[in-house]
Amino acid sequence: MKLNQHQRDFRNGLLFALPWIFGFLALSVYPLVASLYYSFTEFNAVTTPKWVGFENFVDVFHDPLVWKSLKNTLFMVCVSTPVNLFVALILATIVSRNFKGRGFVRTAFFLPSVIPMIAATMVWIWMFDPTYGYINNVLSIFGIQGPAWLMDAKYTKWALVLMGTWNVGTTMLVCLASLQEVPTSYYESAEMDGAGAIRRFFYITIPCIAHVLVYQAILGIINAFQYFQQVYIIVTANSGVKGGSAAGGPENSILMYPLYIFHNAFTYLKMGKASAMAWILFIVVAILAVLMVKLTKKTTENAGVE
């Protein structure tokens, strides 16, 4: 049967797309469906899955470490996300001005974003060292006794927040692009009316880029709920420290929800429970994303952005 040109184009396009389609089905769709099935089973990757219904979900809600890890994760969502967004906006505001060496400063602010996370985290572990770390050495210059950042449960999460400000280069560039789209006539009119820099920032800059900030906040919240790599490296590196915990740092103070999913799946071999936890996380993040998208739409309408 001879194919016409349209059918040949469709066939050729499908053949080119087949590798991606197979990869998507095998690496995304199948694991998603399998994890949903495993969430209703007792499964440890060695024995055959045994159907247990909602027992895993009941176990999740009765596990105190789940609530502990969720509390730690919400701390990163509610504290680290706005701090990172604020730092990115401030840096973007600085590099949006015309001054000598602006290109170098932009590069310096963005460069940490391209450094591998493992290498950057190891450097931060060294910087947080209570005896030899640069942070406490700088504090000592001002007569301040620096804490044991990664060994004291009172400071571990704040150390993570400080680490997060290192990697805001990408968000800074997005904010910088949005700042450059704000009409200069707005600032000129406000300056003629006697508005100072602070008033111009809060009454012109923020409303005009509010939709971008909300979108970046959505991405930051989603990333915070998936906070894993940094804490895994930290707790692994400090697992031999006296008073530390291989599960989640001192007193499990940095036991994040994704890290506890990992431990349930690959340390305790409770893959059914881990799958249930993963689906609960998926539902929570999906709900928050929908709410934030609606907030973005409302913010955009209020700002008059088409």
C-alpha atoms as a PDB file:
ATOM      1  CA  MET A   1       0.000   0.000   0.000  1.00  0.00           C
ATOM      2  CA  LYS A   2       1.452   3.310  -1.096  1.00  0.00           C
ATOM      3  CA  LEU A   3       1.426   6.054   1.497  1.00  0.00           C
ATOM      4  CA  ASN A   4       0.721   9.649   0.685  1.00  0.00           C
ATOM      5  CA  GLN A   5       2.984  12.485   1.790  1.00  0.00           C
ATOM      6  CA  HIS A   6       1.022  13.206   4.981  1.00  0.00           C
ATOM      7  CA  GLN A   7       1.101   9.538   6.058  1.00  0.00           C
ATOM      8  CA  ARG A   8       4.831   9.289   5.303  1.00  0.00           C
ATOM      9  CA  ASP A   9       5.519  12.404   7.379  1.00  0.00           C
ATOM     10  CA  PHE A  10       3.483  10.978  10.254  1.00  0.00           C
ATOM     11  CA  ARG A  11       5.320   7.638  10.038  1.00  0.00           C
ATOM     12  CA  ASN A  12       8.756   9.279   9.937  1.00  0.00           C
ATOM     13  CA  GLY A  13       7.888  11.589  12.810  1.00  0.00           C
ATOM     14  CA  LEU A  14       6.640   8.661  14.860  1.00  0.00           C
ATOM     15  CA  LEU A  15       9.832   6.696  14.182  1.00  0.00           C
ATOM     16  CA  PHE A  16      11.965   9.619  15.314  1.00  0.00           C
ATOM     17  CA  ALA A  17       9.834  10.011  18.453  1.00  0.00           C
ATOM     18  CA  LEU A  18       9.824   6.301  19.349  1.00  0.00           C
ATOM     19  CA  PRO A  19      13.029   6.399  21.487  1.00  0.00           C
ATOM     20  CA  TRP A  20      11.551   9.194  23.612  1.00  0.00           C
ATOM     21  CA  ILE A  21       8.145   7.465  23.791  1.00  0.00           C
ATOM     22  CA  PHE A  22       9.715   4.187  24.946  1.00  0.00           C
ATOM     23  CA  GLY A  23      11.882   6.047  27.453  1.00  0.00           C
ATOM     24  CA  PHE A  24       8.896   7.977  28.795  1.00  0.00           C
ATOM     25  CA  LEU A  25       6.787   4.828  29.163  1.00  0.00           C
ATOM     26  CA  ALA A  26       9.594   2.781  30.718  1.00  0.00           C
ATOM     27  CA  LEU A  27      11.178   5.417  32.955  1.00  0.00           C
ATOM     28  CA  SER A  28       8.197   7.589  33.905  1.00  0.00           C
ATOM     29  CA  VAL A  29       4.804   5.997  33.356  1.00  0.00           C
ATOM     30  CA  TYR A  30       5.672   2.455  34.449  1.00  0.00           C
ATOM     31  CA  PRO A  31       7.463   3.501  37.695  1.00  0.00           C
ATOM     32  CA  LEU A  32       4.544   5.810  38.503  1.00  0.00           C
ATOM     33  CA  VAL A  33       1.944   3.079  38.079  1.00  0.00           C
ATOM     34  CA  ALA A  34       4.137   0.489  39.820  1.00  0.00           C
ATOM     35  CA  SER A  35       4.681   2.724  42.847  1.00  0.00           C
ATOM     36  CA  LEU A  36       0.922   3.238  43.131  1.00  0.00           C
ATOM     37  CA  TYR A  37       0.440  -0.533  43.185  1.00  0.00           C
ATOM     38  CA  TYR A  38       3.294  -1.094  45.636  1.00  0.00           C
ATOM     39  CA  SER A  39       1.829   1.518  48.001  1.00  0.00           C
ATOM     40  CA  PHE A  40      -0.976  -0.977  48.706  1.00  0.00           C
ATOM     41  CA  THR A  41       1.390  -3.916  49.236  1.00  0.00           C
ATOM     42  CA  GLU A  42       4.030  -5.196  51.615  1.00  0.00           C
ATOM     43  CA  PHE A  43       7.073  -5.190  49.381  1.00  0.00           C
ATOM     44  CA  ASN A  44      10.823  -5.227  49.966  1.00  0.00           C
ATOM     45  CA  ALA A  45      12.233  -5.944  46.456  1.00  0.00           C
ATOM     46  CA  VAL A  46      13.183  -9.479  47.551  1.00  0.00           C
ATOM     47  CA  THR A  47       9.842 -11.135  48.220  1.00  0.00           C
ATOM     48  CA  THR A  48       6.679 -11.115  46.139  1.00  0.00           C
ATOM     49  CA  PRO A  49       4.430  -8.094  46.871  1.00  0.00           C
ATOM     50  CA  LYS A  50       1.620  -8.938  49.301  1.00  0.00           C
ATOM     51  CA  TRP A  51      -1.597  -6.909  49.117  1.00  0.00           C
ATOM     52  CA  VAL A  52      -2.277  -5.122  52.412  1.00  0.00           C
ATOM     53  CA  GLY A  53      -4.724  -2.418  51.326  1.00  0.00           C
ATOM     54  CA  PHE A  54      -4.369   0.884  53.162  1.00  0.00           C
ATOM     55  CA  GLU A  55      -2.069  -0.457  55.924  1.00  0.00           C
ATOM     56  CA  ASN A  56       0.938   1.442  54.555  1.00  0.00           C
ATOM     57  CA  PHE A  57      -0.960   4.727  54.573  1.00  0.00           C
ATOM     58  CA  VAL A  58      -2.170   4.065  58.131  1.00  0.00           C
ATOM     59  CA  ASP A  59       1.413   3.267  59.141  1.00  0.00           C
ATOM     60  CA  VAL A  60       2.607   6.509  57.561  1.00  0.00           C
ATOM     61  CA  PHE A  61       0.177   8.646  59.535  1.00  0.00           C
ATOM     62  CA  HIS A  62       1.098   6.864  62.794  1.00  0.00           C
ATOM     63  CA  ASP A  63       4.864   7.117  62.296  1.00  0.00           C
ATOM     64  CA  PRO A  64       6.306   9.961  64.425  1.00  0.00           C
ATOM     65  CA  LEU A  65       9.339  10.250  62.132  1.00  0.00           C
ATOM     66  CA  VAL A  66       7.028  10.995  59.220  1.00  0.00           C
ATOM     67  CA  TRP A  67       5.673  14.006  61.086  1.00  0.00           C
ATOM     68  CA  LYS A  68       9.194  14.963  62.157  1.00  0.00           C
ATOM     69  CA  SER A  69      10.452  14.818  58.571  1.00  0.00           C
ATOM     70  CA  LEU A  70       7.391  16.701  57.334  1.00  0.00           C
ATOM     71  CA  LYS A  71       7.977  19.422  59.928  1.00  0.00           C
ATOM     72  CA  ASN A  72      11.608  19.752  58.802  1.00  0.00           C
ATOM     73  CA  THR A  73      10.546  19.893  55.168  1.00  0.00           C
ATOM     74  CA  LEU A  74       7.894  22.537  55.857  1.00  0.00           C
ATOM     75  CA  PHE A  75      10.591  24.607  57.565  1.00  0.00           C
ATOM     76  CA  MET A  76      12.556  24.610  54.311  1.00  0.00           C
ATOM     77  CA  VAL A  77       9.393  25.435  52.352  1.00  0.00           C
ATOM     78  CA  CYS A  78       8.333  28.322  54.596  1.00  0.00           C
ATOM     79  CA  VAL A  79      11.770  29.742  55.445  1.00  0.00           C
ATOM     80  CA  SER A  80      14.330  28.779  52.823  1.00  0.00           C
ATOM     81  CA  THR A  81      12.082  29.429  49.796  1.00  0.00           C
ATOM     82  CA  PRO A  82      11.230  33.075  50.612  1.00  0.00           C
ATOM     83  CA  VAL A  83      14.802  33.756  51.784  1.00  0.00           C
ATOM     84  CA  ASN A  84      16.245  32.428  48.528  1.00  0.00           C
ATOM     85  CA  LEU A  85      13.727  34.384  46.464  1.00  0.00           C
ATOM     86  CA  PHE A  86      14.474  37.569  48.402  1.00  0.00           C
ATOM     87  CA  VAL A  87      18.242  37.140  47.977  1.00  0.00           C
ATOM     88  CA  ALA A  88      17.809  36.451  44.248  1.00  0.00           C
ATOM     89  CA  LEU A  89      15.667  39.575  43.842  1.00  0.00           C
ATOM     90  CA  ILE A  90      18.171  41.740  45.710  1.00  0.00           C
ATOM     91  CA  LEU A  91      21.064  40.424  43.600  1.00  0.00           C
ATOM     92  CA  ALA A  92      19.034  40.951  40.419  1.00  0.00           C
ATOM     93  CA  THR A  93      18.286  44.537  41.486  1.00  0.00           C
ATOM     94  CA  ILE A  94      21.992  45.156  42.061  1.00  0.00           C
ATOM     95  CA  VAL A  95      23.179  43.789  38.709  1.00  0.00           C
ATOM     96  CA  SER A  96      20.356  45.510  36.804  1.00  0.00           C
ATOM     97  CA  ARG A  97      22.058  48.860  37.380  1.00  0.00           C
ATOM     98  CA  ASN A  98      24.753  50.253  35.122  1.00  0.00           C
ATOM     99  CA  PHE A  99      28.187  50.187  36.730  1.00  0.00           C
ATOM    100  CA  LYS A 100      31.692  49.200  35.771  1.00  0.00           C
ATOM    101  CA  GLY A 101      32.310  45.470  35.937  1.00  0.00           C
ATOM    102  CA  ARG A 102      28.613  44.577  35.862  1.00  0.00           C
ATOM    103  CA  GLY A 103      29.248  41.583  33.594  1.00  0.00           C
ATOM    104  CA  PHE A 104      31.831  40.163  35.972  1.00  0.00           C
ATOM    105  CA  VAL A 105      29.504  40.612  38.962  1.00  0.00           C
ATOM    106  CA  ARG A 106      26.650  38.873  37.125  1.00  0.00           C
ATOM    107  CA  THR A 107      28.927  35.960  36.306  1.00  0.00           C
ATOM    108  CA  ALA A 108      30.189  35.765  39.885  1.00  0.00           C
ATOM    109  CA  PHE A 109      26.627  35.649  41.250  1.00  0.00           C
ATOM    110  CA  PHE A 110      25.524  33.028  38.724  1.00  0.00           C
ATOM    111  CA  LEU A 111      28.634  30.804  38.811  1.00  0.00           C
ATOM    112  CA  PRO A 112      27.685  28.851  41.983  1.00  0.00           C
ATOM    113  CA  SER A 113      24.581  27.556  40.187  1.00  0.00           C
ATOM    114  CA  VAL A 114      26.696  25.518  37.760  1.00  0.00           C
ATOM    115  CA  ILE A 115      28.892  23.921  40.433  1.00  0.00           C
ATOM    116  CA  PRO A 116      27.927  20.252  41.057  1.00  0.00           C
ATOM    117  CA  MET A 117      25.790  19.961  44.185  1.00  0.00           C
ATOM    118  CA  ILE A 118      27.960  17.232  45.724  1.00  0.00           C
ATOM    119  CA  ALA A 119      31.129  19.324  45.452  1.00  0.00           C
ATOM    120  CA  ALA A 120      29.375  22.458  46.733  1.00  0.00           C
ATOM    121  CA  THR A 121      27.882  20.595  49.709  1.00  0.00           C
ATOM    122  CA  MET A 122      31.251  19.136  50.684  1.00  0.00           C
ATOM    123  CA  VAL A 123      32.736  22.643  50.622  1.00  0.00           C
ATOM    124  CA  TRP A 124      29.911  23.912  52.844  1.00  0.00           C
ATOM    125  CA  ILE A 125      30.462  21.037  55.290  1.00  0.00           C
ATOM    126  CA  TRP A 126      34.045  22.191  55.621  1.00  0.00           C
ATOM    127  CA  MET A 127      32.994  25.847  55.956  1.00  0.00           C
ATOM    128  CA  PHE A 128      30.552  24.905  58.739  1.00  0.00           C
ATOM    129  CA  ASP A 129      33.249  23.113  60.722  1.00  0.00           C
ATOM    130  CA  PRO A 130      33.100  24.618  64.250  1.00  0.00           C
ATOM    131  CA  THR A 131      36.889  24.683  64.637  1.00  0.00           C
ATOM    132  CA  TYR A 132      38.443  25.218  61.219  1.00  0.00           C
ATOM    133  CA  GLY A 133      35.518  26.493  59.133  1.00  0.00           C
ATOM    134  CA  TYR A 134      35.641  29.942  57.555  1.00  0.00           C
ATOM    135  CA  ILE A 135      32.213  30.947  58.851  1.00  0.00           C
ATOM    136  CA  ASN A 136      33.097  30.611  62.524  1.00  0.00           C
ATOM    137  CA  ASN A 137      36.533  32.105  61.879  1.00  0.00           C
ATOM    138  CA  VAL A 138      34.904  35.215  60.405  1.00  0.00           C
ATOM    139  CA  LEU A 139      32.462  35.400  63.320  1.00  0.00           C
ATOM    140  CA  SER A 140      35.368  35.177  65.775  1.00  0.00           C
ATOM    141  CA  ILE A 141      36.833  38.347  64.269  1.00  0.00           C
ATOM    142  CA  PHE A 142      33.784  40.183  65.624  1.00  0.00           C
ATOM    143  CA  GLY A 143      34.010  38.425  68.990  1.00  0.00           C
ATOM    144  CA  ILE A 144      31.152  36.007  68.227  1.00  0.00           C
ATOM    145  CA  GLN A 145      31.439  32.374  69.256  1.00  0.00           C
ATOM    146  CA  GLY A 146      30.178  30.432  66.266  1.00  0.00           C
ATOM    147  CA  PRO A 147      27.976  27.373  66.873  1.00  0.00           C
ATOM    148  CA  ALA A 148      28.560  23.789  65.812  1.00  0.00           C
ATOM    149  CA  TRP A 149      26.402  24.295  62.749  1.00  0.00           C
ATOM    150  CA  LEU A 150      25.942  20.707  61.618  1.00  0.00           C
ATOM    151  CA  MET A 151      26.300  19.071  65.034  1.00  0.00           C
ATOM    152  CA  ASP A 152      23.762  21.071  67.025  1.00  0.00           C
ATOM    153  CA  ALA A 153      20.080  20.414  66.310  1.00  0.00           C
ATOM    154  CA  LYS A 154      19.271  24.085  66.984  1.00  0.00           C
ATOM    155  CA  TYR A 155      21.362  25.269  64.030  1.00  0.00           C
ATOM    156  CA  THR A 156      21.323  22.480  61.444  1.00  0.00           C
ATOM    157  CA  LYS A 157      18.272  23.705  59.513  1.00  0.00           C
ATOM    158  CA  TRP A 158      19.529  27.294  59.587  1.00  0.00           C
ATOM    159  CA  ALA A 159      22.781  26.007  58.114  1.00  0.00           C
ATOM    160  CA  LEU A 160      20.745  24.525  55.254  1.00  0.00           C
ATOM    161  CA  VAL A 161      18.999  27.863  54.739  1.00  0.00           C
ATOM    162  CA  LEU A 162      22.393  29.566  54.536  1.00  0.00           C
ATOM    163  CA  MET A 163      23.550  26.934  52.049  1.00  0.00           C
ATOM    164  CA  GLY A 164      20.506  27.612  49.898  1.00  0.00           C
ATOM    165  CA  THR A 165      21.451  31.251  49.334  1.00  0.00           C
ATOM    166  CA  TRP A 166      24.561  30.016  47.509  1.00  0.00           C
ATOM    167  CA  ASN A 167      22.542  28.564  44.656  1.00  0.00           C
ATOM    168  CA  VAL A 168      20.136  31.331  43.607  1.00  0.00           C
ATOM    169  CA  GLY A 169      21.905  32.291  40.377  1.00  0.00           C
ATOM    170  CA  THR A 170      19.237  30.899  38.047  1.00  0.00           C
ATOM    171  CA  THR A 171      16.428  32.608  39.952  1.00  0.00           C
ATOM    172  CA  MET A 172      18.470  35.804  39.906  1.00  0.00           C
ATOM    173  CA  LEU A 173      18.675  35.717  36.094  1.00  0.00           C
ATOM    174  CA  VAL A 174      14.907  35.209  35.792  1.00  0.00           C
ATOM    175  CA  CYS A 175      14.286  38.133  38.138  1.00  0.00           C
ATOM    176  CA  LEU A 176      16.824  40.216  36.219  1.00  0.00           C
ATOM    177  CA  ALA A 177      15.021  39.543  32.930  1.00  0.00           C
ATOM    178  CA  SER A 178      11.696  40.557  34.473  1.00  0.00           C
ATOM    179  CA  LEU A 179      13.196  43.727  35.961  1.00  0.00           C
ATOM    180  CA  GLN A 180      14.463  44.784  32.550  1.00  0.00           C
ATOM    181  CA  GLU A 181      10.917  44.521  31.180  1.00  0.00           C
ATOM    182  CA  VAL A 182       9.546  47.125  33.608  1.00  0.00           C
ATOM    183  CA  PRO A 183       9.005  50.372  31.646  1.00  0.00           C
ATOM    184  CA  THR A 184      11.464  53.067  32.724  1.00  0.00           C
ATOM    185  CA  SER A 185       8.694  55.661  32.322  1.00  0.00           C
ATOM    186  CA  TYR A 186       7.087  54.295  35.493  1.00  0.00           C
ATOM    187  CA  TYR A 187      10.212  55.086  37.506  1.00  0.00           C
ATOM    188  CA  GLU A 188      10.649  58.491  35.882  1.00  0.00           C
ATOM    189  CA  SER A 189       7.073  59.484  36.694  1.00  0.00           C
ATOM    190  CA  ALA A 190       7.384  58.253  40.272  1.00  0.00           C
ATOM    191  CA  GLU A 191      10.693  60.096  40.719  1.00  0.00           C
ATOM    192  CA  MET A 192       9.137  63.309  39.452  1.00  0.00           C
ATOM    193  CA  ASP A 193       6.387  62.865  42.044  1.00  0.00           C
ATOM    194  CA  GLY A 194       9.022  62.626  44.760  1.00  0.00           C
ATOM    195  CA  ALA A 195       8.935  58.858  45.360  1.00  0.00           C
ATOM    196  CA  GLY A 196      12.158  57.538  46.842  1.00  0.00           C
ATOM    197  CA  ALA A 197      14.010  54.355  45.861  1.00  0.00           C
ATOM    198  CA  ILE A 198      12.262  52.222  48.489  1.00  0.00           C
ATOM    199  CA  ARG A 199       8.774  53.421  47.507  1.00  0.00           C
ATOM    200  CA  ARG A 200       9.573  52.874  43.828  1.00  0.00           C
ATOM    201  CA  PHE A 201      10.751  49.350  44.620  1.00  0.00           C
ATOM    202  CA  PHE A 202       7.633  48.333  46.554  1.00  0.00           C
ATOM    203  CA  TYR A 203       5.020  50.237  44.539  1.00  0.00           C
ATOM    204  CA  ILE A 204       6.400  49.795  41.017  1.00  0.00           C
ATOM    205  CA  THR A 205       8.987  47.023  40.824  1.00  0.00           C
ATOM    206  CA  ILE A 206       7.247  44.418  42.974  1.00  0.00           C
ATOM    207  CA  PRO A 207       3.746  44.776  41.380  1.00  0.00           C
ATOM    208  CA  CYS A 208       5.197  44.681  37.852  1.00  0.00           C
ATOM    209  CA  ILE A 209       7.158  41.469  38.409  1.00  0.00           C
ATOM    210  CA  ALA A 210       4.785  39.871  40.927  1.00  0.00           C
ATOM    211  CA  HIS A 211       3.701  37.166  38.477  1.00  0.00           C
ATOM    212  CA  VAL A 212       7.336  36.152  37.952  1.00  0.00           C
ATOM    213  CA  LEU A 213       8.002  36.082  41.694  1.00  0.00           C
ATOM    214  CA  VAL A 214       4.965  33.879  42.316  1.00  0.00           C
ATOM    215  CA  TYR A 215       6.054  31.492  39.568  1.00  0.00           C
ATOM    216  CA  GLN A 216       9.543  31.280  41.053  1.00  0.00           C
ATOM    217  CA  ALA A 217       7.958  30.699  44.457  1.00  0.00           C
ATOM    218  CA  ILE A 218       6.036  27.735  43.005  1.00  0.00           C
ATOM    219  CA  LEU A 219       9.264  26.214  41.699  1.00  0.00           C
ATOM    220  CA  GLY A 220      10.992  26.919  45.015  1.00  0.00           C
ATOM    221  CA  ILE A 221       8.227  25.213  47.008  1.00  0.00           C
ATOM    222  CA  ILE A 222       8.298  22.151  44.749  1.00  0.00           C
ATOM    223  CA  ASN A 223      12.101  21.950  45.055  1.00  0.00           C
ATOM    224  CA  ALA A 224      11.887  22.361  48.834  1.00  0.00           C
ATOM    225  CA  PHE A 225       9.490  19.427  49.085  1.00  0.00           C
ATOM    226  CA  GLN A 226      12.065  17.401  47.127  1.00  0.00           C
ATOM    227  CA  TYR A 227      15.012  18.500  49.293  1.00  0.00           C
ATOM    228  CA  PHE A 228      17.226  15.427  49.413  1.00  0.00           C
ATOM    229  CA  GLN A 229      20.705  15.538  47.930  1.00  0.00           C
ATOM    230  CA  GLN A 230      22.267  18.049  50.303  1.00  0.00           C
ATOM    231  CA  VAL A 231      20.989  16.433  53.516  1.00  0.00           C
ATOM    232  CA  TYR A 232      21.911  12.954  52.294  1.00  0.00           C
ATOM    233  CA  ILE A 233      25.500  14.082  51.720  1.00  0.00           C
ATOM    234  CA  ILE A 234      25.622  15.843  55.094  1.00  0.00           C
ATOM    235  CA  VAL A 235      24.236  12.961  57.164  1.00  0.00           C
ATOM    236  CA  THR A 236      26.459  10.485  55.313  1.00  0.00           C
ATOM    237  CA  ALA A 237      29.560  12.612  55.856  1.00  0.00           C
ATOM    238  CA  ASN A 238      28.708  13.176  59.542  1.00  0.00           C
ATOM    239  CA  SER A 239      27.402   9.670  60.316  1.00  0.00           C
ATOM    240  CA  GLY A 240      30.521   8.921  62.343  1.00  0.00           C
ATOM    241  CA  VAL A 241      30.280  12.065  64.451  1.00  0.00           C
ATOM    242  CA  LYS A 242      29.478  11.450  68.120  1.00  0.00           C
ATOM    243  CA  GLY A 243      25.873  12.309  68.813  1.00  0.00           C
ATOM    244  CA  GLY A 244      25.012  12.299  65.109  1.00  0.00           C
ATOM    245  CA  SER A 245      22.384  10.206  63.415  1.00  0.00           C
ATOM    246  CA  ALA A 246      22.927   8.409  60.130  1.00  0.00           C
ATOM    247  CA  ALA A 247      19.192   8.770  59.499  1.00  0.00           C
ATOM    248  CA  GLY A 248      18.732  12.516  59.735  1.00  0.00           C
ATOM    249  CA  GLY A 249      21.503  14.352  61.546  1.00  0.00           C
ATOM    250  CA  PRO A 250      21.540  15.356  65.226  1.00  0.00           C
ATOM    251  CA  GLU A 251      18.159  14.452  66.777  1.00  0.00           C
ATOM    252  CA  ASN A 252      16.901  13.915  63.209  1.00  0.00           C
ATOM    253  CA  SER A 253      16.813  17.692  62.852  1.00  0.00           C
ATOM    254  CA  ILE A 254      17.510  17.540  59.096  1.00  0.00           C
ATOM    255  CA  LEU A 255      15.546  14.380  58.366  1.00  0.00           C
ATOM    256  CA  MET A 256      13.655  15.659  55.329  1.00  0.00           C
ATOM    257  CA  TYR A 257      10.595  13.876  53.979  1.00  0.00           C
ATOM    258  CA  PRO A 258      12.320  12.674  50.753  1.00  0.00           C
ATOM    259  CA  LEU A 259      15.280  11.437  52.805  1.00  0.00           C
ATOM    260  CA  TYR A 260      12.938   9.423  55.024  1.00  0.00           C
ATOM    261  CA  ILE A 261      11.307   7.964  51.904  1.00  0.00           C
ATOM    262  CA  PHE A 262      14.780   6.915  50.773  1.00  0.00           C
ATOM    263  CA  HIS A 263      15.584   5.307  54.119  1.00  0.00           C
ATOM    264  CA  ASN A 264      12.303   3.384  54.170  1.00  0.00           C
ATOM    265  CA  ALA A 265      12.872   2.108  50.641  1.00  0.00           C
ATOM    266  CA  PHE A 266      16.590   1.274  50.641  1.00  0.00           C
ATOM    267  CA  THR A 267      17.677   1.121  54.297  1.00  0.00           C
ATOM    268  CA  TYR A 268      14.674  -0.498  55.981  1.00  0.00           C
ATOM    269  CA  LEU A 269      13.461  -2.200  52.747  1.00  0.00           C
ATOM    270  CA  LYS A 270       9.897  -1.027  53.353  1.00  0.00           C
ATOM    271  CA  MET A 271       9.228  -0.143  49.746  1.00  0.00           C
ATOM    272  CA  GLY A 272       5.474  -0.369  50.109  1.00  0.00           C
ATOM    273  CA  LYS A 273       5.527   2.264  52.854  1.00  0.00           C
ATOM    274  CA  ALA A 274       7.991   4.363  50.864  1.00  0.00           C
ATOM    275  CA  SER A 275       5.663   4.272  47.847  1.00  0.00           C
ATOM    276  CA  ALA A 276       2.747   5.363  50.030  1.00  0.00           C
ATOM    277  CA  MET A 277       4.815   8.262  51.380  1.00  0.00           C
ATOM    278  CA  ALA A 278       5.803   9.249  47.852  1.00  0.00           C
ATOM    279  CA  TRP A 279       2.177   9.354  46.704  1.00  0.00           C
ATOM    280  CA  ILE A 280       1.154  11.437  49.710  1.00  0.00           C
ATOM    281  CA  LEU A 281       3.944  13.869  48.817  1.00  0.00           C
ATOM    282  CA  PHE A 282       2.776  13.922  45.195  1.00  0.00           C
ATOM    283  CA  ILE A 283      -0.798  14.774  46.228  1.00  0.00           C
ATOM    284  CA  VAL A 284       0.320  17.531  48.616  1.00  0.00           C
ATOM    285  CA  VAL A 285       2.643  19.134  46.041  1.00  0.00           C
ATOM    286  CA  ALA A 286      -0.028  18.870  43.317  1.00  0.00           C
ATOM    287  CA  ILE A 287      -2.588  20.654  45.509  1.00  0.00           C
ATOM    288  CA  LEU A 288      -0.108  23.385  46.419  1.00  0.00           C
ATOM    289  CA  ALA A 289       0.881  23.800  42.765  1.00  0.00           C
ATOM    290  CA  VAL A 290      -2.760  24.256  41.721  1.00  0.00           C
ATOM    291  CA  LEU A 291      -3.310  26.844  44.464  1.00  0.00           C
ATOM    292  CA  MET A 292      -0.128  28.690  43.515  1.00  0.00           C
ATOM    293  CA  VAL A 293      -1.058  28.695  39.825  1.00  0.00           C
ATOM    294  CA  LYS A 294      -4.410  30.262  40.707  1.00  0.00           C
ATOM    295  CA  LEU A 295      -2.556  32.811  42.822  1.00  0.00           C
ATOM    296  CA  THR A 296      -0.252  33.520  39.875  1.00  0.00           C
ATOM    297  CA  LYS A 297      -3.230  34.158  37.601  1.00  0.00           C
ATOM    298  CA  LYS A 298      -4.826  36.484  40.140  1.00  0.00           C
ATOM    299  CA  THR A 299      -1.535  38.307  40.711  1.00  0.00           C
ATOM    300  CA  THR A 300      -1.024  38.717  36.977  1.00  0.00           C
ATOM    301  CA  GLU A 301      -4.520  40.154  36.531  1.00  0.00           C
ATOM    302  CA  ASN A 302      -3.990  42.594  39.403  1.00  0.00           C
ATOM    303  CA  ALA A 303      -0.669  43.696  37.917  1.00  0.00           C
ATOM    304  CA  GLY A 304      -2.264  44.244  34.536  1.00  0.00           C
ATOM    305  CA  VAL A 305       0.061  41.790  32.797  1.00  0.00           C
ATOM    306  CA  GLU A 306      -1.329  40.252  29.646  1.00  0.00           C
END
